Amino acid sequence: MKEVNVPPIPHAFVLDGDAADDVTSIADGLQQIQPLVTQENERVRESPRPPKTHEQI
């Protein structure tokens, strides 16, 4: 997979469980959560079909 240098897209997230325990600042979120969002966006972008509206991404 080629690496794409794209700035983060502004999002609002609600975290719970283990993910919420380690994110205590915006910087933590950018470091820990944004890479997961970027990876999922790439997966969806490369998918042969768009996700269904009820699919969790």
Foldseek 3Di string as FASTA:
>chain_A
DDDDDDDFDDDDDDDDDPVVVQDDDVVSCVVPPRVVVVVVVVVQVPDPDHDDPPDDD
